[in-house]
Structures are given as structure tokens and as C-alpha cells.
Protein backbone atom coordinates (compact mmCIF):
# COMPACT_ATOMS: atom_id res chain seq x y z
CA MET A 1 -13.98 16.82 -0.95
CA LEU A 2 -10.86 15.30 -2.45
CA VAL A 3 -10.36 15.20 -6.18
CA ILE A 4 -7.10 14.04 -7.63
CA GLY A 5 -5.79 15.11 -10.98
CA VAL A 6 -4.17 11.97 -12.27
CA SER A 7 -4.92 9.86 -15.29
CA PHE A 8 -5.65 6.21 -14.73
CA ALA A 9 -4.13 4.67 -17.83
CA CYS A 10 -5.06 1.10 -18.71
CA TYR A 11 -1.64 -0.51 -18.94
CA SER A 12 0.82 -2.34 -16.76
CA PRO A 13 3.64 0.03 -15.90
CA SER A 14 7.20 -0.67 -16.95
CA LEU A 15 9.78 -1.08 -14.20
CA ASN A 16 10.87 2.55 -14.72
CA SER A 17 7.26 3.71 -14.46
CA LEU A 18 6.75 1.54 -11.38
CA GLN A 19 9.86 3.09 -9.86
CA GLU A 20 8.52 6.57 -10.58
CA GLN A 21 5.15 5.72 -9.01
CA ALA A 22 6.80 4.29 -5.90
CA TYR A 23 9.14 7.27 -5.44
CA LYS A 24 6.46 9.92 -6.10
CA SER A 25 3.97 8.38 -3.66
CA THR A 26 4.25 9.21 0.03
CA VAL A 27 2.77 5.85 1.07
CA VAL A 28 2.99 2.49 -0.73
CA ILE A 29 1.22 -0.60 0.63
CA GLU A 30 0.03 -3.99 -0.42
CA GLY A 31 -3.59 -4.27 0.61
CA LYS A 32 -6.67 -6.41 0.25
CA VAL A 33 -9.87 -4.63 -0.78
CA GLN A 34 -12.52 -5.05 1.92
CA SER A 35 -15.33 -3.03 0.34
CA VAL A 36 -16.10 -1.07 -2.81
CA PRO A 37 -18.85 1.48 -3.51
CA ALA A 38 -22.26 -0.07 -4.15
CA ASN A 39 -23.27 2.52 -6.74
CA VAL A 40 -20.33 4.13 -8.50
CA SER A 41 -22.56 6.55 -10.42
CA THR A 42 -23.78 8.25 -7.22
CA GLU A 43 -20.89 7.65 -4.80
CA ARG A 44 -17.34 8.89 -4.97
CA TYR A 45 -15.07 6.00 -5.84
CA SER A 46 -13.11 5.05 -2.74
CA VAL A 47 -12.35 1.65 -1.28
CA ASN A 48 -11.66 0.24 2.17
CA VAL A 49 -8.40 -1.67 2.26
CA LYS A 50 -6.80 -3.94 4.86
CA VAL A 51 -3.04 -3.32 4.98
CA LEU A 52 -1.18 -6.58 4.28
CA ASP A 53 2.35 -5.27 3.84
CA VAL A 54 4.22 -1.97 4.04
CA TRP A 55 7.67 -0.85 2.95
CA PRO A 56 9.51 1.10 5.69
CA LEU A 57 10.65 3.87 3.34
CA ASN A 58 7.06 4.65 2.32
CA SER A 59 4.96 3.27 5.19
CA GLY A 60 3.41 6.57 6.25
CA GLY A 61 3.31 5.13 9.77
CA LEU A 62 0.91 2.38 8.72
CA GLU A 63 1.18 -1.14 10.08
CA ARG A 64 -0.11 -4.49 8.92
CA GLU A 65 -3.76 -5.30 9.64
CA GLN A 66 -4.88 -1.65 9.75
CA LEU A 67 -7.97 -0.68 7.76
CA VAL A 68 -7.58 2.40 5.56
CA THR A 69 -9.71 4.20 3.00
CA VAL A 70 -8.16 4.85 -0.40
CA GLY A 71 -9.74 7.38 -2.75
CA GLU A 72 -11.23 9.41 -3.95
CA PHE A 73 -10.36 8.36 -7.45
CA GLY A 74 -12.63 11.11 -8.79
CA SER A 75 -16.25 11.04 -9.90
CA GLU A 76 -15.76 7.94 -12.03
CA ALA A 77 -14.31 4.55 -11.25
CA PRO A 78 -10.74 4.18 -12.41
CA CYS A 79 -9.95 2.27 -15.56
CA THR A 80 -8.33 -0.40 -13.41
CA LYS A 81 -11.41 -1.13 -11.32
CA VAL A 82 -10.58 -2.91 -8.09
CA GLU A 83 -12.46 -5.97 -6.87
CA LYS A 84 -13.38 -6.96 -3.34
CA ASP A 85 -11.10 -9.58 -1.74
CA HIS A 86 -8.31 -8.99 -4.28
CA ARG A 87 -4.78 -7.82 -3.47
CA TYR A 88 -3.29 -4.67 -4.96
CA ILE A 89 -0.31 -2.40 -4.55
CA PHE A 90 -1.67 1.04 -3.61
CA PHE A 91 0.27 4.25 -4.29
CA MET A 92 -1.12 6.94 -1.99
CA ASP A 93 -0.71 10.34 -0.42
CA PRO A 94 -2.11 11.31 3.00
CA THR A 95 -5.11 13.58 3.53
CA ASP A 96 -6.08 15.68 6.54
CA GLU A 97 -8.10 12.74 7.90
CA PRO A 98 -6.38 9.88 9.73
CA LEU A 99 -6.32 6.57 7.83
CA VAL A 100 -7.79 8.22 4.71
CA PHE A 101 -5.53 8.47 1.67
CA LYS A 102 -5.90 9.71 -1.87
CA ALA A 103 -4.63 7.58 -4.71
CA SER A 104 -1.59 9.07 -6.39
CA PHE A 105 -1.65 6.40 -9.13
CA ALA A 106 -3.96 3.57 -10.11
CA PRO A 107 -3.63 0.49 -7.88
CA LEU A 108 -1.88 -2.51 -9.41
CA ASP A 109 -3.21 -6.07 -9.13
CA THR A 110 -0.58 -8.33 -7.55
CA ASN A 111 -2.10 -11.68 -8.56
CA GLY A 112 0.36 -13.78 -10.53
CA LYS A 113 2.86 -10.97 -10.99
CA ASN A 114 6.21 -10.07 -9.47
CA LEU A 115 5.06 -6.52 -8.68
CA LYS A 116 5.47 -6.93 -4.93
CA LYS A 117 9.08 -8.09 -5.38
CA ASP A 118 9.75 -5.25 -7.82
CA VAL A 119 8.33 -2.66 -5.40
CA GLY A 120 10.38 -4.24 -2.59
CA ARG A 121 13.56 -3.82 -4.63
CA ILE A 122 12.67 -0.23 -5.50
CA LEU A 123 11.89 0.74 -1.90
CA CYS A 124 14.72 -1.27 -0.32
CA GLU A 125 15.94 0.40 2.88
CA ASP A 126 19.53 -0.81 2.68
CA CYS A 127 20.06 -0.58 -1.06
CA GLY A 128 22.89 1.64 -2.12
CA LYS A 129 24.48 1.78 1.32
CA PHE A 130 28.14 0.94 1.53
CA ILE A 131 29.69 -0.94 4.40
CA LEU A 132 32.99 0.53 5.51
CA TYR A 133 35.51 -1.87 6.94
CA ASN A 134 38.68 -1.06 8.85
CA CYS A 135 41.41 -2.59 6.79
CA PRO A 136 44.79 -3.21 8.48
């Protein structure tokens, strides 16, 4: 059984906090929640997520359209409860099971926010690389 020791604070992270979450997580995806537990009081809180987008630096080998399980969030639902058919950025770490991940931080709702662009800038593959030119 997986139990993670993170606190799910009820606030939108600052850009620095978002950067920390992205860098500390092995896998970062944008996903759409396909199913949630029917009875949170008796079931471990995990959700099935369809992968919509991945960032190459933190893809974990995942590709678009794959279905993954994200959890367990612990014995209680996280403060930022996810809803079916909504899009979120998921910060995850792999488990021993294929396509099953544990949440490293609370998922962030992407509706009406620039979070996806911010994460894209943070996890940019070519950022910080210098191009060397042969000058005559």
C-alpha cells in the first residue's frame, strides 16, 4: 500500500513554488480525470487520468492518450479535490507498478490559468543552452 507524506495545502502555488514542485517531481503531466473514487471514506483516494500532455524533461516515458492511475493521496481526499472530466497538472513519482504513480504534490486545476504555460517554461528542454557559432 502506498502512503505519501506530503501536505496538500489549499493555496495556489507561487511561480517559485511551482518551479520547486516541477523540479522535485519525477513525472509532470497535464491530464483529464476519467474517474474518481465512489466512496472516499472507504476507498483510498486515487484517480484515473488520461494523459493530455507531457514535458520531455519529466515525461517518465509517458505519452499522450495513455491512461494512468494517480494516488494514493492517503486515507483522505486531498484538500484540492479533483473532479471528473476536469484538467489538472499532476506532479508524480513512479511506483513499482506500471502506469501507477503516487502524487508528489497536490494536482493543480488548469482551467482559466496560465499554469500549463508556466510549467512549460520551467521544464523547457532548450532553456539555458547556448548556441556556439564559429566567428571568422
